[in-house]
């Protein structure tokens, strides 16, 4: 059995401050266990954008594709699977 645990923290900073970090696609590698490859179109995360990363696991580099299908500004960006929703809490 494999158990993955994601670290979590709380902060009194406003969601807008985190939103800037969460939507900077070229900086995703600073806070996820993956290396940023590209974003099409380039720039901050937005609906219709496809983000490509490479994640290490089991001695290999695995391609990761994130399709941003929607956004709820300052709260979350939505990917096709609910398990891939990246959000801030209020």
PDB file of N, CA and C in Angstrom:
ATOM      1  N   UNK A   1       0.837  -1.169   0.000  1.00  0.00           N
ATOM      2  CA  UNK A   1       0.000   0.000   0.000  1.00  0.00           C
ATOM      3  C   UNK A   1       0.881   1.231   0.000  1.00  0.00           C
ATOM      4  N   UNK A   2       0.531   2.197  -0.816  1.00  0.00           N
ATOM      5  CA  UNK A   2       1.246   3.463  -0.883  1.00  0.00           C
ATOM      6  C   UNK A   2       0.355   4.551  -0.313  1.00  0.00           C
ATOM      7  N   UNK A   3       0.910   5.356   0.571  1.00  0.00           N
ATOM      8  CA  UNK A   3       0.165   6.469   1.143  1.00  0.00           C
ATOM      9  C   UNK A   3       0.920   7.745   0.817  1.00  0.00           C
ATOM     10  N   UNK A   4       0.257   8.673   0.146  1.00  0.00           N
ATOM     11  CA  UNK A   4       0.844   9.973  -0.150  1.00  0.00           C
ATOM     12  C   UNK A   4       0.212  11.010   0.754  1.00  0.00           C
ATOM     13  N   UNK A   5       1.034  11.824   1.375  1.00  0.00           N
ATOM     14  CA  UNK A   5       0.541  12.874   2.253  1.00  0.00           C
ATOM     15  C   UNK A   5       1.099  14.197   1.758  1.00  0.00           C
ATOM     16  N   UNK A   6       0.208  15.130   1.515  1.00  0.00           N
ATOM     17  CA  UNK A   6       0.630  16.462   1.066  1.00  0.00           C
ATOM     18  C   UNK A   6       0.732  17.371   2.275  1.00  0.00           C
ATOM     19  N   UNK A   7       1.839  18.074   2.412  1.00  0.00           N
ATOM     20  CA  UNK A   7       1.954  18.999   3.534  1.00  0.00           C
ATOM     21  C   UNK A   7       0.953  20.141   3.395  1.00  0.00           C
ATOM     22  N   UNK A   8       0.484  20.629   4.495  1.00  0.00           N
ATOM     23  CA  UNK A   8      -0.467  21.738   4.497  1.00  0.00           C
ATOM     24  C   UNK A   8      -0.068  22.740   5.571  1.00  0.00           C
ATOM     25  N   UNK A   9      -0.474  23.950   5.387  1.00  0.00           N
ATOM     26  CA  UNK A   9      -0.201  24.998   6.359  1.00  0.00           C
ATOM     27  C   UNK A   9      -1.331  26.015   6.294  1.00  0.00           C
ATOM     28  N   UNK A  10      -1.435  26.820   7.316  1.00  0.00           N
ATOM     29  CA  UNK A  10      -2.424  27.889   7.321  1.00  0.00           C
ATOM     30  C   UNK A  10      -1.686  29.215   7.372  1.00  0.00           C
ATOM     31  N   UNK A  11      -2.365  30.246   6.926  1.00  0.00           N
ATOM     32  CA  UNK A  11      -1.770  31.575   6.919  1.00  0.00           C
ATOM     33  C   UNK A  11      -2.868  32.617   7.043  1.00  0.00           C
ATOM     34  N   UNK A  12      -2.519  33.743   7.599  1.00  0.00           N
ATOM     35  CA  UNK A  12      -3.468  34.845   7.708  1.00  0.00           C
ATOM     36  C   UNK A  12      -3.385  35.780   6.503  1.00  0.00           C
ATOM     37  N   UNK A  13      -2.501  35.457   5.558  1.00  0.00           N
ATOM     38  CA  UNK A  13      -2.368  36.280   4.346  1.00  0.00           C
ATOM     39  C   UNK A  13      -3.650  36.189   3.527  1.00  0.00           C
ATOM     40  N   UNK A  14      -4.006  37.260   2.830  1.00  0.00           N
ATOM     41  CA  UNK A  14      -5.223  37.242   2.017  1.00  0.00           C
ATOM     42  C   UNK A  14      -5.071  36.308   0.823  1.00  0.00           C
ATOM     43  N   UNK A  15      -6.179  35.712   0.359  1.00  0.00           N
ATOM     44  CA  UNK A  15      -6.128  34.799  -0.787  1.00  0.00           C
ATOM     45  C   UNK A  15      -5.460  35.409  -2.026  1.00  0.00           C
ATOM     46  N   UNK A  16      -5.603  36.708  -2.226  1.00  0.00           N
ATOM     47  CA  UNK A  16      -5.006  37.359  -3.391  1.00  0.00           C
ATOM     48  C   UNK A  16      -3.494  37.159  -3.428  1.00  0.00           C
ATOM     49  N   UNK A  17      -2.885  37.132  -2.276  1.00  0.00           N
ATOM     50  CA  UNK A  17      -1.432  36.949  -2.209  1.00  0.00           C
ATOM     51  C   UNK A  17      -1.036  35.539  -2.657  1.00  0.00           C
ATOM     52  N   UNK A  18      -1.792  34.541  -2.219  1.00  0.00           N
ATOM     53  CA  UNK A  18      -1.530  33.168  -2.636  1.00  0.00           C
ATOM     54  C   UNK A  18      -1.887  32.967  -4.105  1.00  0.00           C
ATOM     55  N   UNK A  19      -2.930  33.631  -4.558  1.00  0.00           N
ATOM     56  CA  UNK A  19      -3.386  33.473  -5.938  1.00  0.00           C
ATOM     57  C   UNK A  19      -2.269  33.801  -6.923  1.00  0.00           C
ATOM     58  N   UNK A  20      -1.512  34.823  -6.633  1.00  0.00           N
ATOM     59  CA  UNK A  20      -0.398  35.207  -7.505  1.00  0.00           C
ATOM     60  C   UNK A  20       0.608  34.067  -7.619  1.00  0.00           C
ATOM     61  N   UNK A  21       0.869  33.386  -6.521  1.00  0.00           N
ATOM     62  CA  UNK A  21       1.811  32.267  -6.520  1.00  0.00           C
ATOM     63  C   UNK A  21       1.209  31.054  -7.230  1.00  0.00           C
ATOM     64  N   UNK A  22      -0.041  30.734  -6.921  1.00  0.00           N
ATOM     65  CA  UNK A  22      -0.697  29.563  -7.508  1.00  0.00           C
ATOM     66  C   UNK A  22      -0.861  29.653  -9.015  1.00  0.00           C
ATOM     67  N   UNK A  23      -1.007  30.848  -9.538  1.00  0.00           N
ATOM     68  CA  UNK A  23      -1.245  31.000 -10.977  1.00  0.00           C
ATOM     69  C   UNK A  23       0.027  31.267 -11.774  1.00  0.00           C
ATOM     70  N   UNK A  24       1.172  31.400 -11.129  1.00  0.00           N
ATOM     71  CA  UNK A  24       2.441  31.598 -11.835  1.00  0.00           C
ATOM     72  C   UNK A  24       2.931  30.240 -12.324  1.00  0.00           C
ATOM     73  N   UNK A  25       2.461  29.826 -13.492  1.00  0.00           N
ATOM     74  CA  UNK A  25       2.762  28.477 -13.990  1.00  0.00           C
ATOM     75  C   UNK A  25       4.254  28.196 -14.093  1.00  0.00           C
ATOM     76  N   UNK A  26       5.048  29.185 -14.465  1.00  0.00           N
ATOM     77  CA  UNK A  26       6.491  28.973 -14.609  1.00  0.00           C
ATOM     78  C   UNK A  26       7.184  28.761 -13.265  1.00  0.00           C
ATOM     79  N   UNK A  27       6.470  28.981 -12.150  1.00  0.00           N
ATOM     80  CA  UNK A  27       7.048  28.790 -10.822  1.00  0.00           C
ATOM     81  C   UNK A  27       6.469  27.579 -10.094  1.00  0.00           C
ATOM     82  N   UNK A  28       5.645  26.781 -10.780  1.00  0.00           N
ATOM     83  CA  UNK A  28       5.046  25.613 -10.138  1.00  0.00           C
ATOM     84  C   UNK A  28       6.099  24.679  -9.539  1.00  0.00           C
ATOM     85  N   UNK A  29       7.229  24.539 -10.197  1.00  0.00           N
ATOM     86  CA  UNK A  29       8.285  23.658  -9.720  1.00  0.00           C
ATOM     87  C   UNK A  29       8.858  24.047  -8.372  1.00  0.00           C
ATOM     88  N   UNK A  30       8.580  25.275  -7.918  1.00  0.00           N
ATOM     89  CA  UNK A  30       9.078  25.712  -6.612  1.00  0.00           C
ATOM     90  C   UNK A  30       8.254  25.138  -5.465  1.00  0.00           C
ATOM     91  N   UNK A  31       7.043  24.688  -5.743  1.00  0.00           N
ATOM     92  CA  UNK A  31       6.213  24.193  -4.650  1.00  0.00           C
ATOM     93  C   UNK A  31       5.518  22.859  -4.937  1.00  0.00           C
ATOM     94  N   UNK A  32       5.794  22.252  -6.087  1.00  0.00           N
ATOM     95  CA  UNK A  32       5.328  20.885  -6.358  1.00  0.00           C
ATOM     96  C   UNK A  32       6.545  20.042  -6.708  1.00  0.00           C
ATOM     97  N   UNK A  33       6.427  18.745  -6.587  1.00  0.00           N
ATOM     98  CA  UNK A  33       7.548  17.862  -6.887  1.00  0.00           C
ATOM     99  C   UNK A  33       7.573  17.546  -8.381  1.00  0.00           C
ATOM    100  N   UNK A  34       7.795  18.597  -9.167  1.00  0.00           N
ATOM    101  CA  UNK A  34       7.849  18.459 -10.623  1.00  0.00           C
ATOM    102  C   UNK A  34       8.601  19.652 -11.189  1.00  0.00           C
ATOM    103  N   UNK A  35       9.097  19.482 -12.402  1.00  0.00           N
ATOM    104  CA  UNK A  35       9.817  20.555 -13.092  1.00  0.00           C
ATOM    105  C   UNK A  35       8.905  21.127 -14.174  1.00  0.00           C
ATOM    106  N   UNK A  36       8.765  22.453 -14.184  1.00  0.00           N
ATOM    107  CA  UNK A  36       7.968  23.128 -15.205  1.00  0.00           C
ATOM    108  C   UNK A  36       8.633  22.964 -16.564  1.00  0.00           C
ATOM    109  N   UNK A  37       7.848  22.624 -17.587  1.00  0.00           N
ATOM    110  CA  UNK A  37       8.345  22.488 -18.949  1.00  0.00           C
ATOM    111  C   UNK A  37       7.802  23.617 -19.819  1.00  0.00           C
ATOM    112  N   UNK A  38       6.464  23.767 -19.841  1.00  0.00           N
ATOM    113  CA  UNK A  38       5.873  24.829 -20.660  1.00  0.00           C
ATOM    114  C   UNK A  38       4.422  25.059 -20.272  1.00  0.00           C
ATOM    115  N   UNK A  39       3.903  26.184 -20.722  1.00  0.00           N
ATOM    116  CA  UNK A  39       2.491  26.512 -20.583  1.00  0.00           C
ATOM    117  C   UNK A  39       2.042  27.052 -21.934  1.00  0.00           C
ATOM    118  N   UNK A  40       0.917  26.535 -22.416  1.00  0.00           N
ATOM    119  CA  UNK A  40       0.397  26.956 -23.716  1.00  0.00           C
ATOM    120  C   UNK A  40      -1.031  27.450 -23.540  1.00  0.00           C
ATOM    121  N   UNK A  41      -1.323  28.711 -23.773  1.00  0.00           N
ATOM    122  CA  UNK A  41      -0.389  29.786 -24.047  1.00  0.00           C
ATOM    123  C   UNK A  41       0.409  30.142 -22.793  1.00  0.00           C
ATOM    124  N   UNK A  42       1.558  30.802 -22.976  1.00  0.00           N
ATOM    125  CA  UNK A  42       2.384  31.163 -21.827  1.00  0.00           C
ATOM    126  C   UNK A  42       1.693  32.183 -20.925  1.00  0.00           C
ATOM    127  N   UNK A  43       2.180  32.269 -19.704  1.00  0.00           N
ATOM    128  CA  UNK A  43       1.660  33.258 -18.757  1.00  0.00           C
ATOM    129  C   UNK A  43       0.970  32.599 -17.583  1.00  0.00           C
ATOM    130  N   UNK A  44       0.331  33.433 -16.746  1.00  0.00           N
ATOM    131  CA  UNK A  44      -0.363  32.910 -15.570  1.00  0.00           C
ATOM    132  C   UNK A  44      -1.462  31.927 -15.967  1.00  0.00           C
ATOM    133  N   UNK A  45      -1.787  31.010 -15.059  1.00  0.00           N
ATOM    134  CA  UNK A  45      -2.834  30.018 -15.312  1.00  0.00           C
ATOM    135  C   UNK A  45      -4.144  30.711 -15.651  1.00  0.00           C
ATOM    136  N   UNK A  46      -4.839  30.156 -16.657  1.00  0.00           N
ATOM    137  CA  UNK A  46      -6.135  30.687 -17.062  1.00  0.00           C
ATOM    138  C   UNK A  46      -6.889  29.608 -17.832  1.00  0.00           C
ATOM    139  N   UNK A  47      -8.219  29.712 -17.895  1.00  0.00           N
ATOM    140  CA  UNK A  47      -8.997  28.703 -18.612  1.00  0.00           C
ATOM    141  C   UNK A  47      -8.500  28.526 -20.045  1.00  0.00           C
ATOM    142  N   UNK A  48      -8.437  27.269 -20.471  1.00  0.00           N
ATOM    143  CA  UNK A  48      -7.965  26.948 -21.810  1.00  0.00           C
ATOM    144  C   UNK A  48      -6.476  26.689 -21.891  1.00  0.00           C
ATOM    145  N   UNK A  49      -5.759  26.968 -20.831  1.00  0.00           N
ATOM    146  CA  UNK A  49      -4.304  26.787 -20.823  1.00  0.00           C
ATOM    147  C   UNK A  49      -3.948  25.330 -20.519  1.00  0.00           C
ATOM    148  N   UNK A  50      -2.861  24.866 -21.109  1.00  0.00           N
ATOM    149  CA  UNK A  50      -2.322  23.532 -20.838  1.00  0.00           C
ATOM    150  C   UNK A  50      -0.923  23.726 -20.262  1.00  0.00           C
ATOM    151  N   UNK A  51      -0.687  23.151 -19.087  1.00  0.00           N
ATOM    152  CA  UNK A  51       0.606  23.261 -18.408  1.00  0.00           C
ATOM    153  C   UNK A  51       1.285  21.898 -18.471  1.00  0.00           C
ATOM    154  N   UNK A  52       2.556  21.891 -18.866  1.00  0.00           N
ATOM    155  CA  UNK A  52       3.328  20.651 -18.956  1.00  0.00           C
ATOM    156  C   UNK A  52       4.435  20.671 -17.903  1.00  0.00           C
ATOM    157  N   UNK A  53       4.527  19.576 -17.147  1.00  0.00           N
ATOM    158  CA  UNK A  53       5.549  19.400 -16.117  1.00  0.00           C
ATOM    159  C   UNK A  53       6.186  18.028 -16.317  1.00  0.00           C
ATOM    160  N   UNK A  54       7.288  17.794 -15.626  1.00  0.00           N
ATOM    161  CA  UNK A  54       7.917  16.478 -15.578  1.00  0.00           C
ATOM    162  C   UNK A  54       8.147  16.179 -14.100  1.00  0.00           C
ATOM    163  N   UNK A  55       7.640  15.018 -13.647  1.00  0.00           N
ATOM    164  CA  UNK A  55       7.740  14.644 -12.238  1.00  0.00           C
ATOM    165  C   UNK A  55       8.594  13.387 -12.072  1.00  0.00           C
ATOM    166  N   UNK A  56       9.539  13.412 -11.127  1.00  0.00           N
ATOM    167  CA  UNK A  56      10.363  12.229 -10.889  1.00  0.00           C
ATOM    168  C   UNK A  56       9.649  11.222  -9.992  1.00  0.00           C
ATOM    169  N   UNK A  57       9.764   9.953 -10.345  1.00  0.00           N
ATOM    170  CA  UNK A  57       9.234   8.879  -9.502  1.00  0.00           C
ATOM    171  C   UNK A  57       9.763   7.546 -10.020  1.00  0.00           C
ATOM    172  N   UNK A  58      10.101   6.666  -9.106  1.00  0.00           N
ATOM    173  CA  UNK A  58      10.574   5.323  -9.445  1.00  0.00           C
ATOM    174  C   UNK A  58      11.749   5.346 -10.419  1.00  0.00           C
ATOM    175  N   UNK A  59      12.628   6.322 -10.262  1.00  0.00           N
ATOM    176  CA  UNK A  59      13.818   6.414 -11.094  1.00  0.00           C
ATOM    177  C   UNK A  59      13.566   6.914 -12.507  1.00  0.00           C
ATOM    178  N   UNK A  60      12.381   7.416 -12.772  1.00  0.00           N
ATOM    179  CA  UNK A  60      12.042   7.922 -14.107  1.00  0.00           C
ATOM    180  C   UNK A  60      11.519   9.342 -14.018  1.00  0.00           C
ATOM    181  N   UNK A  61      11.408   9.980 -15.165  1.00  0.00           N
ATOM    182  CA  UNK A  61      10.808  11.303 -15.286  1.00  0.00           C
ATOM    183  C   UNK A  61       9.474  11.124 -16.014  1.00  0.00           C
ATOM    184  N   UNK A  62       8.367  11.448 -15.365  1.00  0.00           N
ATOM    185  CA  UNK A  62       7.038  11.229 -15.914  1.00  0.00           C
ATOM    186  C   UNK A  62       6.434  12.539 -16.407  1.00  0.00           C
ATOM    187  N   UNK A  63       5.901  12.554 -17.616  1.00  0.00           N
ATOM    188  CA  UNK A  63       5.245  13.769 -18.104  1.00  0.00           C
ATOM    189  C   UNK A  63       3.919  13.991 -17.367  1.00  0.00           C
ATOM    190  N   UNK A  64       3.641  15.228 -17.048  1.00  0.00           N
ATOM    191  CA  UNK A  64       2.396  15.610 -16.381  1.00  0.00           C
ATOM    192  C   UNK A  64       1.761  16.718 -17.209  1.00  0.00           C
ATOM    193  N   UNK A  65       0.472  16.573 -17.482  1.00  0.00           N
ATOM    194  CA  UNK A  65      -0.266  17.585 -18.243  1.00  0.00           C
ATOM    195  C   UNK A  65      -1.418  18.073 -17.364  1.00  0.00           C
ATOM    196  N   UNK A  66      -1.516  19.382 -17.210  1.00  0.00           N
ATOM    197  CA  UNK A  66      -2.612  19.985 -16.461  1.00  0.00           C
ATOM    198  C   UNK A  66      -3.420  20.832 -17.437  1.00  0.00           C
ATOM    199  N   UNK A  67      -4.687  20.477 -17.619  1.00  0.00           N
ATOM    200  CA  UNK A  67      -5.597  21.262 -18.456  1.00  0.00           C
ATOM    201  C   UNK A  67      -6.422  22.146 -17.533  1.00  0.00           C
ATOM    202  N   UNK A  68      -6.251  23.445 -17.642  1.00  0.00           N
ATOM    203  CA  UNK A  68      -7.019  24.378 -16.814  1.00  0.00           C
ATOM    204  C   UNK A  68      -8.341  24.631 -17.536  1.00  0.00           C
ATOM    205  N   UNK A  69      -9.435  24.144 -16.967  1.00  0.00           N
ATOM    206  CA  UNK A  69     -10.728  24.271 -17.637  1.00  0.00           C
ATOM    207  C   UNK A  69     -11.588  25.387 -17.074  1.00  0.00           C
ATOM    208  N   UNK A  70     -11.255  25.878 -15.899  1.00  0.00           N
ATOM    209  CA  UNK A  70     -12.027  26.958 -15.316  1.00  0.00           C
ATOM    210  C   UNK A  70     -11.293  27.591 -14.158  1.00  0.00           C
ATOM    211  N   UNK A  71     -11.792  28.743 -13.747  1.00  0.00           N
ATOM    212  CA  UNK A  71     -11.166  29.442 -12.623  1.00  0.00           C
ATOM    213  C   UNK A  71     -12.241  30.102 -11.776  1.00  0.00           C
ATOM    214  N   UNK A  72     -11.980  30.137 -10.504  1.00  0.00           N
ATOM    215  CA  UNK A  72     -12.771  30.884  -9.542  1.00  0.00           C
ATOM    216  C   UNK A  72     -11.733  31.795  -8.877  1.00  0.00           C
ATOM    217  N   UNK A  73     -11.505  32.992  -9.452  1.00  0.00           N
ATOM    218  CA  UNK A  73     -10.398  33.845  -8.995  1.00  0.00           C
ATOM    219  C   UNK A  73     -10.286  33.971  -7.480  1.00  0.00           C
ATOM    220  N   UNK A  74      -9.045  33.887  -7.026  1.00  0.00           N
ATOM    221  CA  UNK A  74      -8.662  33.953  -5.619  1.00  0.00           C
ATOM    222  C   UNK A  74      -9.165  32.767  -4.803  1.00  0.00           C
ATOM    223  N   UNK A  75      -9.707  31.732  -5.461  1.00  0.00           N
ATOM    224  CA  UNK A  75     -10.175  30.541  -4.745  1.00  0.00           C
ATOM    225  C   UNK A  75      -9.594  29.264  -5.331  1.00  0.00           C
ATOM    226  N   UNK A  76      -9.724  29.045  -6.660  1.00  0.00           N
ATOM    227  CA  UNK A  76      -9.239  27.799  -7.242  1.00  0.00           C
ATOM    228  C   UNK A  76      -9.146  27.884  -8.751  1.00  0.00           C
ATOM    229  N   UNK A  77      -8.279  27.025  -9.311  1.00  0.00           N
ATOM    230  CA  UNK A  77      -8.311  26.786 -10.751  1.00  0.00           C
ATOM    231  C   UNK A  77      -8.678  25.345 -10.928  1.00  0.00           C
ATOM    232  N   UNK A  78      -9.527  25.083 -11.909  1.00  0.00           N
ATOM    233  CA  UNK A  78     -10.193  23.798 -12.030  1.00  0.00           C
ATOM    234  C   UNK A  78      -9.634  23.005 -13.202  1.00  0.00           C
ATOM    235  N   UNK A  79      -9.274  21.748 -12.918  1.00  0.00           N
ATOM    236  CA  UNK A  79      -8.787  20.812 -13.920  1.00  0.00           C
ATOM    237  C   UNK A  79      -9.858  19.740 -14.095  1.00  0.00           C
ATOM    238  N   UNK A  80      -9.788  18.916 -15.141  1.00  0.00           N
ATOM    239  CA  UNK A  80     -10.845  17.942 -15.397  1.00  0.00           C
ATOM    240  C   UNK A  80     -11.183  17.004 -14.240  1.00  0.00           C
ATOM    241  N   UNK A  81     -10.238  16.681 -13.399  1.00  0.00           N
ATOM    242  CA  UNK A  81     -10.499  15.790 -12.272  1.00  0.00           C
ATOM    243  C   UNK A  81     -10.543  16.609 -10.986  1.00  0.00           C
ATOM    244  N   UNK A  82     -11.530  16.344 -10.146  1.00  0.00           N
ATOM    245  CA  UNK A  82     -11.656  17.084  -8.885  1.00  0.00           C
ATOM    246  C   UNK A  82     -10.412  16.925  -8.024  1.00  0.00           C
ATOM    247  N   UNK A  83      -9.690  15.814  -8.170  1.00  0.00           N
ATOM    248  CA  UNK A  83      -8.491  15.605  -7.366  1.00  0.00           C
ATOM    249  C   UNK A  83      -7.348  16.502  -7.831  1.00  0.00           C
ATOM    250  N   UNK A  84      -7.529  17.168  -8.954  1.00  0.00           N
ATOM    251  CA  UNK A  84      -6.494  18.047  -9.470  1.00  0.00           C
ATOM    252  C   UNK A  84      -6.897  19.515  -9.388  1.00  0.00           C
ATOM    253  N   UNK A  85      -7.850  19.834  -8.530  1.00  0.00           N
ATOM    254  CA  UNK A  85      -8.243  21.222  -8.317  1.00  0.00           C
ATOM    255  C   UNK A  85      -7.268  21.857  -7.349  1.00  0.00           C
ATOM    256  N   UNK A  86      -6.693  22.955  -7.735  1.00  0.00           N
ATOM    257  CA  UNK A  86      -5.757  23.654  -6.877  1.00  0.00           C
ATOM    258  C   UNK A  86      -6.493  24.850  -6.308  1.00  0.00           C
ATOM    259  N   UNK A  87      -6.532  24.982  -4.977  1.00  0.00           N
ATOM    260  CA  UNK A  87      -7.344  26.041  -4.415  1.00  0.00           C
ATOM    261  C   UNK A  87      -6.713  26.670  -3.180  1.00  0.00           C
ATOM    262  N   UNK A  88      -7.242  27.845  -2.865  1.00  0.00           N
ATOM    263  CA  UNK A  88      -6.936  28.507  -1.608  1.00  0.00           C
ATOM    264  C   UNK A  88      -8.203  28.407  -0.786  1.00  0.00           C
ATOM    265  N   UNK A  89      -8.106  28.484   0.507  1.00  0.00           N
ATOM    266  CA  UNK A  89      -9.326  28.442   1.329  1.00  0.00           C
ATOM    267  C   UNK A  89      -9.537  29.791   1.960  1.00  0.00           C
ATOM    268  N   UNK A  90     -10.769  30.104   2.213  1.00  0.00           N
ATOM    269  CA  UNK A  90     -11.106  31.378   2.844  1.00  0.00           C
ATOM    270  C   UNK A  90     -11.636  31.126   4.224  1.00  0.00           C
TER     271      UNK A  90
END
